All heavy atoms as atom14 arrays in JSON, in Angstrom:
{
  "sequence": "AEFVPVDGVTAATLADAAQLSSLADETPEGRSVVVLAKTDFGLREREP",
  "atom14_mask": [
    [1, 1, 1, 1, 1, 0, 0, 0, 0, 0, 0, 0, 0, 0],
    [1, 1, 1, 1, 1, 1, 1, 1, 1, 0, 0, 0, 0, 0],
    [1, 1, 1, 1, 1, 1, 1, 1, 1, 1, 1, 0, 0, 0],
    [1, 1, 1, 1, 1, 1, 1, 0, 0, 0, 0, 0, 0, 0],
    [1, 1, 1, 1, 1, 1, 1, 0, 0, 0, 0, 0, 0, 0],
    [1, 1, 1, 1, 1, 1, 1, 0, 0, 0, 0, 0, 0, 0],
    [1, 1, 1, 1, 1, 1, 1, 1, 0, 0, 0, 0, 0, 0],
    [1, 1, 1, 1, 0, 0, 0, 0, 0, 0, 0, 0, 0, 0],
    [1, 1, 1, 1, 1, 1, 1, 0, 0, 0, 0, 0, 0, 0],
    [1, 1, 1, 1, 1, 1, 1, 0, 0, 0, 0, 0, 0, 0],
    [1, 1, 1, 1, 1, 0, 0, 0, 0, 0, 0, 0, 0, 0],
    [1, 1, 1, 1, 1, 0, 0, 0, 0, 0, 0, 0, 0, 0],
    [1, 1, 1, 1, 1, 1, 1, 0, 0, 0, 0, 0, 0, 0],
    [1, 1, 1, 1, 1, 1, 1, 1, 0, 0, 0, 0, 0, 0],
    [1, 1, 1, 1, 1, 0, 0, 0, 0, 0, 0, 0, 0, 0],
    [1, 1, 1, 1, 1, 1, 1, 1, 0, 0, 0, 0, 0, 0],
    [1, 1, 1, 1, 1, 0, 0, 0, 0, 0, 0, 0, 0, 0],
    [1, 1, 1, 1, 1, 0, 0, 0, 0, 0, 0, 0, 0, 0],
    [1, 1, 1, 1, 1, 1, 1, 1, 1, 0, 0, 0, 0, 0],
    [1, 1, 1, 1, 1, 1, 1, 1, 0, 0, 0, 0, 0, 0],
    [1, 1, 1, 1, 1, 1, 0, 0, 0, 0, 0, 0, 0, 0],
    [1, 1, 1, 1, 1, 1, 0, 0, 0, 0, 0, 0, 0, 0],
    [1, 1, 1, 1, 1, 1, 1, 1, 0, 0, 0, 0, 0, 0],
    [1, 1, 1, 1, 1, 0, 0, 0, 0, 0, 0, 0, 0, 0],
    [1, 1, 1, 1, 1, 1, 1, 1, 0, 0, 0, 0, 0, 0],
    [1, 1, 1, 1, 1, 1, 1, 1, 1, 0, 0, 0, 0, 0],
    [1, 1, 1, 1, 1, 1, 1, 0, 0, 0, 0, 0, 0, 0],
    [1, 1, 1, 1, 1, 1, 1, 0, 0, 0, 0, 0, 0, 0],
    [1, 1, 1, 1, 1, 1, 1, 1, 1, 0, 0, 0, 0, 0],
    [1, 1, 1, 1, 0, 0, 0, 0, 0, 0, 0, 0, 0, 0],
    [1, 1, 1, 1, 1, 1, 1, 1, 1, 1, 1, 0, 0, 0],
    [1, 1, 1, 1, 1, 1, 0, 0, 0, 0, 0, 0, 0, 0],
    [1, 1, 1, 1, 1, 1, 1, 0, 0, 0, 0, 0, 0, 0],
    [1, 1, 1, 1, 1, 1, 1, 0, 0, 0, 0, 0, 0, 0],
    [1, 1, 1, 1, 1, 1, 1, 0, 0, 0, 0, 0, 0, 0],
    [1, 1, 1, 1, 1, 1, 1, 1, 0, 0, 0, 0, 0, 0],
    [1, 1, 1, 1, 1, 0, 0, 0, 0, 0, 0, 0, 0, 0],
    [1, 1, 1, 1, 1, 1, 1, 1, 1, 0, 0, 0, 0, 0],
    [1, 1, 1, 1, 1, 1, 1, 0, 0, 0, 0, 0, 0, 0],
    [1, 1, 1, 1, 1, 1, 1, 1, 0, 0, 0, 0, 0, 0],
    [1, 1, 1, 1, 1, 1, 1, 1, 1, 1, 1, 0, 0, 0],
    [1, 1, 1, 1, 0, 0, 0, 0, 0, 0, 0, 0, 0, 0],
    [1, 1, 1, 1, 1, 1, 1, 1, 0, 0, 0, 0, 0, 0],
    [1, 1, 1, 1, 1, 1, 1, 1, 1, 1, 1, 0, 0, 0],
    [1, 1, 1, 1, 1, 1, 1, 1, 1, 0, 0, 0, 0, 0],
    [1, 1, 1, 1, 1, 1, 1, 1, 1, 1, 1, 0, 0, 0],
    [1, 1, 1, 1, 1, 1, 1, 1, 1, 0, 0, 0, 0, 0],
    [1, 1, 1, 1, 1, 1, 1, 0, 0, 0, 0, 0, 0, 0]
  ],
  "atom14_positions": [
    [[-28.92, 58.12, -1.28], [-29.98, 58.99, -0.78], [-31.34, 58.32, -0.79], [-32.23, 58.7, -0.01], [-30.03, 60.27, -1.6], [0.0, 0.0, 0.0], [0.0, 0.0, 0.0], [0.0, 0.0, 0.0], [0.0, 0.0, 0.0], [0.0, 0.0, 0.0], [0.0, 0.0, 0.0], [0.0, 0.0, 0.0], [0.0, 0.0, 0.0], [0.0, 0.0, 0.0]],
    [[-31.53, 57.3, -1.68], [-32.87, 56.72, -1.81], [-32.78, 55.37, -2.51], [-31.92, 55.16, -3.38], [-33.75, 57.67, -2.63], [-35.18, 57.24, -2.78], [-35.97, 58.19, -3.67], [-35.36, 59.09, -4.28], [-37.2, 58.03, -3.74], [0.0, 0.0, 0.0], [0.0, 0.0, 0.0], [0.0, 0.0, 0.0], [0.0, 0.0, 0.0], [0.0, 0.0, 0.0]],
    [[-33.69, 54.45, -2.1], [-33.88, 53.18, -2.81], [-35.17, 53.3, -3.63], [-36.25, 53.53, -3.07], [-33.99, 52.0, -1.85], [-32.74, 51.76, -1.03], [-32.76, 51.88, 0.34], [-31.56, 51.39, -1.65], [-31.62, 51.65, 1.1], [-30.41, 51.16, -0.91], [-30.44, 51.29, 0.47], [0.0, 0.0, 0.0], [0.0, 0.0, 0.0], [0.0, 0.0, 0.0]],
    [[-35.07, 53.14, -4.94], [-36.24, 53.28, -5.82], [-36.52, 51.92, -6.46], [-35.85, 51.51, -7.41], [-35.98, 54.33, -6.92], [-37.26, 54.56, -7.73], [-35.48, 55.64, -6.32], [0.0, 0.0, 0.0], [0.0, 0.0, 0.0], [0.0, 0.0, 0.0], [0.0, 0.0, 0.0], [0.0, 0.0, 0.0], [0.0, 0.0, 0.0], [0.0, 0.0, 0.0]],
    [[-37.51, 51.15, -5.95], [-37.78, 49.8, -6.48], [-38.62, 49.85, -7.75], [-39.32, 50.84, -8.02], [-38.54, 49.14, -5.34], [-39.26, 50.27, -4.68], [-38.36, 51.48, -4.79], [0.0, 0.0, 0.0], [0.0, 0.0, 0.0], [0.0, 0.0, 0.0], [0.0, 0.0, 0.0], [0.0, 0.0, 0.0], [0.0, 0.0, 0.0], [0.0, 0.0, 0.0]],
    [[-38.57, 48.78, -8.53], [-39.45, 48.65, -9.69], [-40.78, 48.07, -9.21], [-40.9, 47.62, -8.05], [-38.81, 47.74, -10.77], [-37.51, 48.35, -11.27], [-38.58, 46.33, -10.22], [0.0, 0.0, 0.0], [0.0, 0.0, 0.0], [0.0, 0.0, 0.0], [0.0, 0.0, 0.0], [0.0, 0.0, 0.0], [0.0, 0.0, 0.0], [0.0, 0.0, 0.0]],
    [[-41.76, 48.08, -10.09], [-43.08, 47.54, -9.73], [-42.95, 46.06, -9.35], [-42.25, 45.28, -10.01], [-44.04, 47.68, -10.92], [-44.39, 49.13, -11.19], [-44.2, 49.96, -10.28], [-44.82, 49.43, -12.32], [0.0, 0.0, 0.0], [0.0, 0.0, 0.0], [0.0, 0.0, 0.0], [0.0, 0.0, 0.0], [0.0, 0.0, 0.0], [0.0, 0.0, 0.0]],
    [[-43.64, 45.7, -8.28], [-43.63, 44.32, -7.83], [-42.55, 44.02, -6.82], [-42.47, 42.9, -6.31], [0.0, 0.0, 0.0], [0.0, 0.0, 0.0], [0.0, 0.0, 0.0], [0.0, 0.0, 0.0], [0.0, 0.0, 0.0], [0.0, 0.0, 0.0], [0.0, 0.0, 0.0], [0.0, 0.0, 0.0], [0.0, 0.0, 0.0], [0.0, 0.0, 0.0]],
    [[-41.7, 45.0, -6.52], [-40.62, 44.83, -5.54], [-40.79, 45.89, -4.46], [-41.0, 47.08, -4.76], [-39.23, 44.95, -6.19], [-38.13, 44.84, -5.15], [-39.05, 43.89, -7.28], [0.0, 0.0, 0.0], [0.0, 0.0, 0.0], [0.0, 0.0, 0.0], [0.0, 0.0, 0.0], [0.0, 0.0, 0.0], [0.0, 0.0, 0.0], [0.0, 0.0, 0.0]],
    [[-40.71, 45.49, -3.21], [-40.81, 46.46, -2.12], [-39.47, 47.16, -1.9], [-38.41, 46.62, -2.25], [-41.24, 45.78, -0.82], [-40.21, 44.88, -0.4], [-42.55, 45.03, -1.0], [0.0, 0.0, 0.0], [0.0, 0.0, 0.0], [0.0, 0.0, 0.0], [0.0, 0.0, 0.0], [0.0, 0.0, 0.0], [0.0, 0.0, 0.0], [0.0, 0.0, 0.0]],
    [[-39.53, 48.36, -1.32], [-38.3, 49.1, -1.02], [-37.44, 48.33, -0.02], [-36.21, 48.37, -0.08], [-38.65, 50.48, -0.48], [0.0, 0.0, 0.0], [0.0, 0.0, 0.0], [0.0, 0.0, 0.0], [0.0, 0.0, 0.0], [0.0, 0.0, 0.0], [0.0, 0.0, 0.0], [0.0, 0.0, 0.0], [0.0, 0.0, 0.0], [0.0, 0.0, 0.0]],
    [[-38.08, 47.58, 0.9], [-37.33, 46.81, 1.88], [-36.55, 45.68, 1.21], [-35.41, 45.39, 1.59], [-38.27, 46.25, 2.93], [0.0, 0.0, 0.0], [0.0, 0.0, 0.0], [0.0, 0.0, 0.0], [0.0, 0.0, 0.0], [0.0, 0.0, 0.0], [0.0, 0.0, 0.0], [0.0, 0.0, 0.0], [0.0, 0.0, 0.0], [0.0, 0.0, 0.0]],
    [[-37.17, 45.04, 0.22], [-36.48, 43.97, -0.51], [-35.28, 44.53, -1.27], [-34.2, 43.93, -1.27], [-37.45, 43.29, -1.49], [-38.54, 42.72, -0.77], [-36.75, 42.2, -2.28], [0.0, 0.0, 0.0], [0.0, 0.0, 0.0], [0.0, 0.0, 0.0], [0.0, 0.0, 0.0], [0.0, 0.0, 0.0], [0.0, 0.0, 0.0], [0.0, 0.0, 0.0]],
    [[-35.47, 45.68, -1.91], [-34.37, 46.33, -2.62], [-33.25, 46.71, -1.65], [-32.07, 46.52, -1.94], [-34.88, 47.57, -3.37], [-33.82, 48.45, -4.03], [-33.02, 47.67, -5.07], [-34.48, 49.69, -4.67], [0.0, 0.0, 0.0], [0.0, 0.0, 0.0], [0.0, 0.0, 0.0], [0.0, 0.0, 0.0], [0.0, 0.0, 0.0], [0.0, 0.0, 0.0]],
    [[-33.61, 47.27, -0.5], [-32.62, 47.68, 0.49], [-31.82, 46.48, 0.99], [-30.6, 46.56, 1.2], [-33.3, 48.39, 1.66], [0.0, 0.0, 0.0], [0.0, 0.0, 0.0], [0.0, 0.0, 0.0], [0.0, 0.0, 0.0], [0.0, 0.0, 0.0], [0.0, 0.0, 0.0], [0.0, 0.0, 0.0], [0.0, 0.0, 0.0], [0.0, 0.0, 0.0]],
    [[-32.53, 45.35, 1.2], [-31.86, 44.13, 1.67], [-30.82, 43.67, 0.65], [-29.68, 43.34, 1.0], [-32.89, 43.04, 1.9], [-32.25, 41.74, 2.38], [-31.92, 41.64, 3.57], [-32.06, 40.84, 1.53], [0.0, 0.0, 0.0], [0.0, 0.0, 0.0], [0.0, 0.0, 0.0], [0.0, 0.0, 0.0], [0.0, 0.0, 0.0], [0.0, 0.0, 0.0]],
    [[-31.2, 43.63, -0.64], [-30.27, 43.2, -1.68], [-29.12, 44.2, -1.83], [-27.95, 43.82, -2.02], [-31.01, 43.05, -3.0], [0.0, 0.0, 0.0], [0.0, 0.0, 0.0], [0.0, 0.0, 0.0], [0.0, 0.0, 0.0], [0.0, 0.0, 0.0], [0.0, 0.0, 0.0], [0.0, 0.0, 0.0], [0.0, 0.0, 0.0], [0.0, 0.0, 0.0]],
    [[-29.44, 45.49, -1.75], [-28.41, 46.53, -1.88], [-27.39, 46.42, -0.74], [-26.18, 46.56, -0.94], [-29.05, 47.91, -1.89], [0.0, 0.0, 0.0], [0.0, 0.0, 0.0], [0.0, 0.0, 0.0], [0.0, 0.0, 0.0], [0.0, 0.0, 0.0], [0.0, 0.0, 0.0], [0.0, 0.0, 0.0], [0.0, 0.0, 0.0], [0.0, 0.0, 0.0]],
    [[-27.87, 46.15, 0.46], [-26.96, 46.01, 1.59], [-26.07, 44.78, 1.43], [-24.86, 44.84, 1.68], [-27.74, 45.9, 2.9], [-26.85, 45.92, 4.13], [-27.51, 45.27, 5.34], [-28.1, 44.2, 5.21], [-27.4, 45.91, 6.5], [0.0, 0.0, 0.0], [0.0, 0.0, 0.0], [0.0, 0.0, 0.0], [0.0, 0.0, 0.0], [0.0, 0.0, 0.0]],
    [[-26.66, 43.67, 0.98], [-25.87, 42.46, 0.76], [-24.73, 42.7, -0.22], [-23.6, 42.29, 0.0], [-26.78, 41.34, 0.24], [-27.5, 40.46, 1.26], [-28.45, 39.51, 0.56], [-26.49, 39.69, 2.1], [0.0, 0.0, 0.0], [0.0, 0.0, 0.0], [0.0, 0.0, 0.0], [0.0, 0.0, 0.0], [0.0, 0.0, 0.0], [0.0, 0.0, 0.0]],
    [[-25.05, 43.39, -1.32], [-24.04, 43.62, -2.35], [-23.0, 44.65, -1.95], [-22.0, 44.83, -2.64], [-24.72, 44.07, -3.65], [-25.39, 45.31, -3.46], [0.0, 0.0, 0.0], [0.0, 0.0, 0.0], [0.0, 0.0, 0.0], [0.0, 0.0, 0.0], [0.0, 0.0, 0.0], [0.0, 0.0, 0.0], [0.0, 0.0, 0.0], [0.0, 0.0, 0.0]],
    [[-23.23, 45.34, -0.83], [-22.32, 46.4, -0.4], [-21.51, 46.05, 0.84], [-20.7, 46.86, 1.29], [-23.11, 47.7, -0.12], [-23.81, 48.12, -1.26], [0.0, 0.0, 0.0], [0.0, 0.0, 0.0], [0.0, 0.0, 0.0], [0.0, 0.0, 0.0], [0.0, 0.0, 0.0], [0.0, 0.0, 0.0], [0.0, 0.0, 0.0], [0.0, 0.0, 0.0]],
    [[-21.74, 44.87, 1.42], [-21.05, 44.52, 2.66], [-19.54, 44.49, 2.49], [-18.79, 44.83, 3.43], [-21.55, 43.15, 3.16], [-22.97, 43.12, 3.72], [-23.36, 41.7, 4.1], [-23.09, 44.06, 4.93], [0.0, 0.0, 0.0], [0.0, 0.0, 0.0], [0.0, 0.0, 0.0], [0.0, 0.0, 0.0], [0.0, 0.0, 0.0], [0.0, 0.0, 0.0]],
    [[-19.07, 44.08, 1.32], [-17.62, 44.02, 1.09], [-17.12, 45.23, 0.32], [-15.95, 45.28, -0.06], [-17.26, 42.74, 0.35], [0.0, 0.0, 0.0], [0.0, 0.0, 0.0], [0.0, 0.0, 0.0], [0.0, 0.0, 0.0], [0.0, 0.0, 0.0], [0.0, 0.0, 0.0], [0.0, 0.0, 0.0], [0.0, 0.0, 0.0], [0.0, 0.0, 0.0]],
    [[-18.0, 46.19, 0.1], [-17.62, 47.4, -0.65], [-17.13, 48.46, 0.34], [-17.92, 49.06, 1.05], [-18.84, 47.9, -1.43], [-18.49, 49.06, -2.37], [-17.36, 49.57, -2.28], [-19.36, 49.43, -3.18], [0.0, 0.0, 0.0], [0.0, 0.0, 0.0], [0.0, 0.0, 0.0], [0.0, 0.0, 0.0], [0.0, 0.0, 0.0], [0.0, 0.0, 0.0]],
    [[-15.81, 48.68, 0.38], [-15.25, 49.6, 1.37], [-15.17, 51.03, 0.86], [-14.63, 51.9, 1.52], [-13.83, 49.14, 1.76], [-13.81, 47.81, 2.5], [-14.56, 47.86, 3.82], [-14.64, 48.95, 4.42], [-15.1, 46.81, 4.24], [0.0, 0.0, 0.0], [0.0, 0.0, 0.0], [0.0, 0.0, 0.0], [0.0, 0.0, 0.0], [0.0, 0.0, 0.0]],
    [[-15.71, 51.29, -0.33], [-15.72, 52.66, -0.84], [-16.71, 53.49, -0.05], [-17.65, 52.96, 0.57], [-16.11, 52.69, -2.33], [-17.46, 52.24, -2.46], [-15.19, 51.82, -3.16], [0.0, 0.0, 0.0], [0.0, 0.0, 0.0], [0.0, 0.0, 0.0], [0.0, 0.0, 0.0], [0.0, 0.0, 0.0], [0.0, 0.0, 0.0], [0.0, 0.0, 0.0]],
    [[-16.55, 54.82, -0.02], [-17.53, 55.66, 0.68], [-18.95, 55.46, 0.17], [-19.9, 55.5, 0.95], [-17.02, 57.09, 0.39], [-15.56, 56.92, 0.14], [-15.42, 55.6, -0.55], [0.0, 0.0, 0.0], [0.0, 0.0, 0.0], [0.0, 0.0, 0.0], [0.0, 0.0, 0.0], [0.0, 0.0, 0.0], [0.0, 0.0, 0.0], [0.0, 0.0, 0.0]],
    [[-19.09, 55.23, -1.15], [-20.42, 55.0, -1.7], [-21.02, 53.7, -1.14], [-22.2, 53.65, -0.76], [-20.36, 54.93, -3.23], [-20.01, 56.26, -3.89], [-18.5, 56.47, -3.99], [-17.74, 55.65, -3.41], [-18.09, 57.45, -4.63], [0.0, 0.0, 0.0], [0.0, 0.0, 0.0], [0.0, 0.0, 0.0], [0.0, 0.0, 0.0], [0.0, 0.0, 0.0]],
    [[-20.2, 52.64, -1.11], [-20.67, 51.37, -0.58], [-21.05, 51.46, 0.88], [-22.07, 50.91, 1.32], [0.0, 0.0, 0.0], [0.0, 0.0, 0.0], [0.0, 0.0, 0.0], [0.0, 0.0, 0.0], [0.0, 0.0, 0.0], [0.0, 0.0, 0.0], [0.0, 0.0, 0.0], [0.0, 0.0, 0.0], [0.0, 0.0, 0.0], [0.0, 0.0, 0.0]],
    [[-20.23, 52.16, 1.67], [-20.56, 52.33, 3.09], [-21.87, 53.1, 3.27], [-22.65, 52.83, 4.18], [-19.43, 53.09, 3.79], [-18.09, 52.38, 3.87], [-18.14, 51.14, 4.74], [-18.55, 49.96, 3.97], [-19.06, 48.86, 4.49], [-19.3, 48.79, 5.79], [-19.39, 47.84, 3.75], [0.0, 0.0, 0.0], [0.0, 0.0, 0.0], [0.0, 0.0, 0.0]],
    [[-22.11, 54.09, 2.38], [-23.33, 54.89, 2.51], [-24.57, 54.06, 2.21], [-25.65, 54.32, 2.77], [-23.27, 56.11, 1.6], [-23.41, 55.75, 0.23], [0.0, 0.0, 0.0], [0.0, 0.0, 0.0], [0.0, 0.0, 0.0], [0.0, 0.0, 0.0], [0.0, 0.0, 0.0], [0.0, 0.0, 0.0], [0.0, 0.0, 0.0], [0.0, 0.0, 0.0]],
    [[-24.46, 53.05, 1.33], [-25.59, 52.18, 1.04], [-25.96, 51.38, 2.29], [-27.13, 51.25, 2.65], [-25.26, 51.23, -0.14], [-26.36, 50.17, -0.3], [-25.09, 52.01, -1.43], [0.0, 0.0, 0.0], [0.0, 0.0, 0.0], [0.0, 0.0, 0.0], [0.0, 0.0, 0.0], [0.0, 0.0, 0.0], [0.0, 0.0, 0.0], [0.0, 0.0, 0.0]],
    [[-24.94, 50.85, 2.97], [-25.17, 50.08, 4.2], [-25.81, 50.97, 5.26], [-26.75, 50.56, 5.96], [-23.84, 49.48, 4.71], [-24.05, 48.79, 6.06], [-23.27, 48.5, 3.69], [0.0, 0.0, 0.0], [0.0, 0.0, 0.0], [0.0, 0.0, 0.0], [0.0, 0.0, 0.0], [0.0, 0.0, 0.0], [0.0, 0.0, 0.0], [0.0, 0.0, 0.0]],
    [[-25.32, 52.2, 5.37], [-25.86, 53.13, 6.37], [-27.31, 53.47, 6.07], [-28.17, 53.51, 6.97], [-25.0, 54.41, 6.43], [-25.68, 55.49, 7.28], [-23.62, 54.11, 6.98], [0.0, 0.0, 0.0], [0.0, 0.0, 0.0], [0.0, 0.0, 0.0], [0.0, 0.0, 0.0], [0.0, 0.0, 0.0], [0.0, 0.0, 0.0], [0.0, 0.0, 0.0]],
    [[-27.64, 53.72, 4.79], [-29.01, 54.07, 4.43], [-29.96, 52.9, 4.69], [-31.08, 53.1, 5.18], [-29.07, 54.47, 2.95], [-30.44, 54.92, 2.43], [-30.9, 56.18, 3.16], [-30.42, 55.15, 0.93], [0.0, 0.0, 0.0], [0.0, 0.0, 0.0], [0.0, 0.0, 0.0], [0.0, 0.0, 0.0], [0.0, 0.0, 0.0], [0.0, 0.0, 0.0]],
    [[-29.52, 51.66, 4.4], [-30.36, 50.49, 4.66], [-30.63, 50.33, 6.16], [-31.74, 49.97, 6.58], [-29.69, 49.24, 4.11], [0.0, 0.0, 0.0], [0.0, 0.0, 0.0], [0.0, 0.0, 0.0], [0.0, 0.0, 0.0], [0.0, 0.0, 0.0], [0.0, 0.0, 0.0], [0.0, 0.0, 0.0], [0.0, 0.0, 0.0], [0.0, 0.0, 0.0]],
    [[-29.63, 50.64, 6.96], [-29.79, 50.54, 8.41], [-30.69, 51.65, 8.93], [-31.57, 51.42, 9.78], [-28.42, 50.62, 9.07], [-28.46, 50.61, 10.59], [-27.06, 50.72, 11.17], [-27.08, 50.76, 12.68], [-25.71, 50.87, 13.26], [0.0, 0.0, 0.0], [0.0, 0.0, 0.0], [0.0, 0.0, 0.0], [0.0, 0.0, 0.0], [0.0, 0.0, 0.0]],
    [[-30.5, 52.86, 8.4], [-31.26, 54.02, 8.89], [-32.74, 53.94, 8.49], [-33.63, 54.18, 9.32], [-30.64, 55.32, 8.33], [-29.27, 55.39, 8.73], [-31.38, 56.54, 8.86], [0.0, 0.0, 0.0], [0.0, 0.0, 0.0], [0.0, 0.0, 0.0], [0.0, 0.0, 0.0], [0.0, 0.0, 0.0], [0.0, 0.0, 0.0], [0.0, 0.0, 0.0]],
    [[-33.0, 53.61, 7.22], [-34.38, 53.65, 6.72], [-35.17, 52.37, 6.96], [-36.4, 52.4, 7.07], [-34.38, 53.97, 5.22], [-34.02, 55.42, 4.93], [-33.67, 56.14, 5.89], [-34.07, 55.83, 3.76], [0.0, 0.0, 0.0], [0.0, 0.0, 0.0], [0.0, 0.0, 0.0], [0.0, 0.0, 0.0], [0.0, 0.0, 0.0], [0.0, 0.0, 0.0]],
    [[-34.44, 51.22, 7.04], [-35.17, 49.95, 7.14], [-34.73, 49.09, 8.33], [-35.17, 47.96, 8.47], [-35.02, 49.16, 5.84], [-35.62, 49.86, 4.65], [-34.83, 50.66, 3.84], [-36.97, 49.75, 4.37], [-35.38, 51.32, 2.76], [-37.53, 50.41, 3.29], [-36.73, 51.2, 2.48], [0.0, 0.0, 0.0], [0.0, 0.0, 0.0], [0.0, 0.0, 0.0]],
    [[-33.87, 49.63, 9.15], [-33.46, 48.91, 10.36], [-32.66, 47.65, 10.1], [-32.62, 46.75, 10.95], [0.0, 0.0, 0.0], [0.0, 0.0, 0.0], [0.0, 0.0, 0.0], [0.0, 0.0, 0.0], [0.0, 0.0, 0.0], [0.0, 0.0, 0.0], [0.0, 0.0, 0.0], [0.0, 0.0, 0.0], [0.0, 0.0, 0.0], [0.0, 0.0, 0.0]],
    [[-32.03, 47.56, 8.93], [-31.26, 46.36, 8.6], [-29.91, 46.41, 9.31], [-29.09, 47.3, 9.06], [-31.06, 46.26, 7.08], [-32.34, 46.06, 6.26], [-32.03, 46.06, 4.78], [-33.01, 44.75, 6.66], [0.0, 0.0, 0.0], [0.0, 0.0, 0.0], [0.0, 0.0, 0.0], [0.0, 0.0, 0.0], [0.0, 0.0, 0.0], [0.0, 0.0, 0.0]],
    [[-29.69, 45.47, 10.22], [-28.46, 45.42, 10.99], [-27.43, 44.54, 10.29], [-27.68, 44.0, 9.2], [-28.75, 44.87, 12.39], [-29.79, 45.67, 13.14], [-29.22, 46.98, 13.64], [-30.23, 47.81, 14.29], [-29.96, 48.97, 14.88], [-28.73, 49.42, 14.9], [-30.92, 49.67, 15.44], [0.0, 0.0, 0.0], [0.0, 0.0, 0.0], [0.0, 0.0, 0.0]],
    [[-26.31, 44.37, 10.95], [-25.29, 43.49, 10.4], [-25.82, 42.07, 10.28], [-26.67, 41.63, 11.05], [-24.04, 43.51, 11.29], [-23.33, 44.85, 11.3], [-22.06, 44.78, 12.12], [-21.69, 43.67, 12.52], [-21.44, 45.83, 12.33], [0.0, 0.0, 0.0], [0.0, 0.0, 0.0], [0.0, 0.0, 0.0], [0.0, 0.0, 0.0], [0.0, 0.0, 0.0]],
    [[-25.3, 41.34, 9.29], [-25.77, 39.98, 9.02], [-25.24, 38.99, 10.06], [-24.28, 39.26, 10.8], [-25.33, 39.57, 7.62], [-25.84, 40.52, 6.54], [-27.34, 40.38, 6.35], [-27.88, 41.44, 5.51], [-28.92, 41.29, 4.7], [-29.55, 40.12, 4.66], [-29.36, 42.28, 3.98], [0.0, 0.0, 0.0], [0.0, 0.0, 0.0], [0.0, 0.0, 0.0]],
    [[-25.89, 37.81, 10.06], [-25.49, 36.79, 11.01], [-24.04, 36.36, 10.76], [-23.56, 36.39, 9.63], [-26.4, 35.56, 10.89], [-27.87, 35.86, 10.99], [-28.45, 36.35, 9.65], [-27.83, 36.06, 8.61], [-29.48, 37.02, 9.67], [0.0, 0.0, 0.0], [0.0, 0.0, 0.0], [0.0, 0.0, 0.0], [0.0, 0.0, 0.0], [0.0, 0.0, 0.0]],
    [[-23.34, 35.94, 11.82], [-21.95, 35.49, 11.64], [-21.81, 34.38, 10.61], [-20.82, 34.28, 9.91], [-21.55, 35.0, 13.04], [-22.47, 35.75, 13.97], [-23.75, 35.91, 13.24], [0.0, 0.0, 0.0], [0.0, 0.0, 0.0], [0.0, 0.0, 0.0], [0.0, 0.0, 0.0], [0.0, 0.0, 0.0], [0.0, 0.0, 0.0], [0.0, 0.0, 0.0]]
  ]
}
C-alpha cells in the first residue's frame, strides 16, 4: 500500500530497490510490490 523511506532516502529509491527484490517473487505480495512501484513511480520492467 505504501513505501515509507527512512531519512536520507527518497521514496523513489526505496521503490526501485523494493521492485528489484520482488522481480522473482511470484507471491501475491511480491507481485503487488511491483505493481505499486509501477503505479506510483512509473518503474517499468527492467532491461533485458
